[in-house]
């Protein structure tokens, strides 16, 4: 019985040591993550809003250049009908 108790005490101590090492690693990784997260905003490229371009009339295969407004409207309707399910 004493040998069994001694064996269990050794096993418990080994598990405690493993848990202590794991906790140490978790703390170090958490600190490293916080440090890296603090650096991210400085590393990101500034976001620039492009100036608004004047709107150009849409042209596509259904609306050839020089199409009349009614032809363009019909082509747009046909295109939308094909896309709607």
C-alpha atoms as a PDB file:
ATOM      1  CA  UNK A   1       0.000   0.000   0.000  1.00  0.00           C
ATOM      2  CA  UNK A   2       2.850   2.420   0.796  1.00  0.00           C
ATOM      3  CA  UNK A   3       4.491   1.720  -2.555  1.00  0.00           C
ATOM      4  CA  UNK A   4       1.206   2.397  -4.287  1.00  0.00           C
ATOM      5  CA  UNK A   5       0.828   5.702  -2.432  1.00  0.00           C
ATOM      6  CA  UNK A   6       4.396   6.682  -3.296  1.00  0.00           C
ATOM      7  CA  UNK A   7       3.734   5.858  -6.950  1.00  0.00           C
ATOM      8  CA  UNK A   8       0.585   7.987  -6.947  1.00  0.00           C
ATOM      9  CA  UNK A   9       2.434  10.880  -5.301  1.00  0.00           C
ATOM     10  CA  UNK A  10       5.129  10.762  -8.007  1.00  0.00           C
ATOM     11  CA  UNK A  11       2.481  10.667 -10.707  1.00  0.00           C
ATOM     12  CA  UNK A  12       0.641  13.605  -9.103  1.00  0.00           C
ATOM     13  CA  UNK A  13       3.855  15.626  -8.898  1.00  0.00           C
ATOM     14  CA  UNK A  14       4.652  14.879 -12.556  1.00  0.00           C
ATOM     15  CA  UNK A  15       1.144  15.993 -13.582  1.00  0.00           C
ATOM     16  CA  UNK A  16       1.476  19.183 -11.531  1.00  0.00           C
ATOM     17  CA  UNK A  17       4.787  19.969 -13.210  1.00  0.00           C
ATOM     18  CA  UNK A  18       3.303  19.342 -16.659  1.00  0.00           C
ATOM     19  CA  UNK A  19       0.377  21.624 -15.810  1.00  0.00           C
ATOM     20  CA  UNK A  20       2.754  24.339 -14.576  1.00  0.00           C
ATOM     21  CA  UNK A  21       4.739  24.173 -17.839  1.00  0.00           C
ATOM     22  CA  UNK A  22       1.538  24.341 -19.895  1.00  0.00           C
ATOM     23  CA  UNK A  23       0.323  27.352 -17.915  1.00  0.00           C
ATOM     24  CA  UNK A  24       3.677  29.085 -18.456  1.00  0.00           C
ATOM     25  CA  UNK A  25       3.458  28.474 -22.204  1.00  0.00           C
ATOM     26  CA  UNK A  26      -0.113  29.789 -22.319  1.00  0.00           C
ATOM     27  CA  UNK A  27       0.906  32.984 -20.519  1.00  0.00           C
ATOM     28  CA  UNK A  28       3.847  33.526 -22.874  1.00  0.00           C
ATOM     29  CA  UNK A  29       1.712  32.963 -25.968  1.00  0.00           C
ATOM     30  CA  UNK A  30      -0.977  35.300 -24.663  1.00  0.00           C
ATOM     31  CA  UNK A  31       1.597  38.040 -24.092  1.00  0.00           C
ATOM     32  CA  UNK A  32       3.141  37.507 -27.526  1.00  0.00           C
ATOM     33  CA  UNK A  33      -0.295  37.634 -29.142  1.00  0.00           C
ATOM     34  CA  UNK A  34      -1.142  40.894 -27.373  1.00  0.00           C
ATOM     35  CA  UNK A  35       2.165  42.415 -28.497  1.00  0.00           C
ATOM     36  CA  UNK A  36       1.586  41.395 -32.116  1.00  0.00           C
ATOM     37  CA  UNK A  37      -2.027  42.567 -32.059  1.00  0.00           C
ATOM     38  CA  UNK A  38      -0.863  45.993 -30.881  1.00  0.00           C
ATOM     39  CA  UNK A  39       1.499  46.224 -33.877  1.00  0.00           C
ATOM     40  CA  UNK A  40      -1.093  45.317 -36.540  1.00  0.00           C
ATOM     41  CA  UNK A  41      -2.667  48.798 -36.945  1.00  0.00           C
ATOM     42  CA  UNK A  42       0.763  50.275 -37.616  1.00  0.00           C
ATOM     43  CA  UNK A  43       1.509  47.657 -40.263  1.00  0.00           C
ATOM     44  CA  UNK A  44      -1.758  47.987 -42.174  1.00  0.00           C
ATOM     45  CA  UNK A  45      -1.738  50.182 -45.253  1.00  0.00           C
ATOM     46  CA  UNK A  46      -3.826  53.326 -44.892  1.00  0.00           C
ATOM     47  CA  UNK A  47      -7.162  53.018 -46.584  1.00  0.00           C
ATOM     48  CA  UNK A  48      -7.680  55.671 -49.195  1.00  0.00           C
ATOM     49  CA  UNK A  49     -11.078  56.465 -50.591  1.00  0.00           C
ATOM     50  CA  UNK A  50     -10.773  56.938 -54.343  1.00  0.00           C
ATOM     51  CA  UNK A  51     -12.283  60.123 -55.722  1.00  0.00           C
ATOM     52  CA  UNK A  52     -15.688  59.537 -57.239  1.00  0.00           C
ATOM     53  CA  UNK A  53     -15.556  59.196 -60.986  1.00  0.00           C
ATOM     54  CA  UNK A  54     -18.338  60.643 -63.088  1.00  0.00           C
ATOM     55  CA  UNK A  55     -20.863  57.995 -63.923  1.00  0.00           C
ATOM     56  CA  UNK A  56     -20.480  56.687 -67.435  1.00  0.00           C
ATOM     57  CA  UNK A  57     -23.313  55.007 -69.304  1.00  0.00           C
ATOM     58  CA  UNK A  58     -23.119  51.254 -69.034  1.00  0.00           C
ATOM     59  CA  UNK A  59     -22.318  49.381 -72.183  1.00  0.00           C
ATOM     60  CA  UNK A  60     -22.055  45.680 -72.604  1.00  0.00           C
ATOM     61  CA  UNK A  61     -22.562  42.945 -75.138  1.00  0.00           C
ATOM     62  CA  UNK A  62     -26.355  43.396 -74.878  1.00  0.00           C
ATOM     63  CA  UNK A  63     -26.069  47.190 -75.372  1.00  0.00           C
ATOM     64  CA  UNK A  64     -23.793  47.950 -78.274  1.00  0.00           C
ATOM     65  CA  UNK A  65     -22.424  51.408 -78.726  1.00  0.00           C
ATOM     66  CA  UNK A  66     -24.874  53.566 -80.615  1.00  0.00           C
ATOM     67  CA  UNK A  67     -27.945  51.649 -79.434  1.00  0.00           C
ATOM     68  CA  UNK A  68     -31.084  53.679 -79.038  1.00  0.00           C
ATOM     69  CA  UNK A  69     -32.499  54.140 -75.524  1.00  0.00           C
ATOM     70  CA  UNK A  70     -35.382  51.754 -76.239  1.00  0.00           C
ATOM     71  CA  UNK A  71     -32.992  49.093 -77.545  1.00  0.00           C
ATOM     72  CA  UNK A  72     -30.796  49.555 -74.472  1.00  0.00           C
ATOM     73  CA  UNK A  73     -33.815  49.251 -72.173  1.00  0.00           C
ATOM     74  CA  UNK A  74     -34.940  46.052 -73.897  1.00  0.00           C
ATOM     75  CA  UNK A  75     -31.437  44.588 -73.654  1.00  0.00           C
ATOM     76  CA  UNK A  76     -31.298  45.425 -69.943  1.00  0.00           C
ATOM     77  CA  UNK A  77     -34.682  43.795 -69.327  1.00  0.00           C
ATOM     78  CA  UNK A  78     -33.625  40.653 -71.200  1.00  0.00           C
ATOM     79  CA  UNK A  79     -30.416  40.499 -69.204  1.00  0.00           C
ATOM     80  CA  UNK A  80     -32.267  40.886 -65.888  1.00  0.00           C
ATOM     81  CA  UNK A  81     -34.814  38.238 -66.869  1.00  0.00           C
ATOM     82  CA  UNK A  82     -32.021  35.761 -67.618  1.00  0.00           C
ATOM     83  CA  UNK A  83     -30.400  36.481 -64.254  1.00  0.00           C
ATOM     84  CA  UNK A  84     -33.580  36.222 -62.169  1.00  0.00           C
ATOM     85  CA  UNK A  85     -34.419  32.685 -61.180  1.00  0.00           C
END
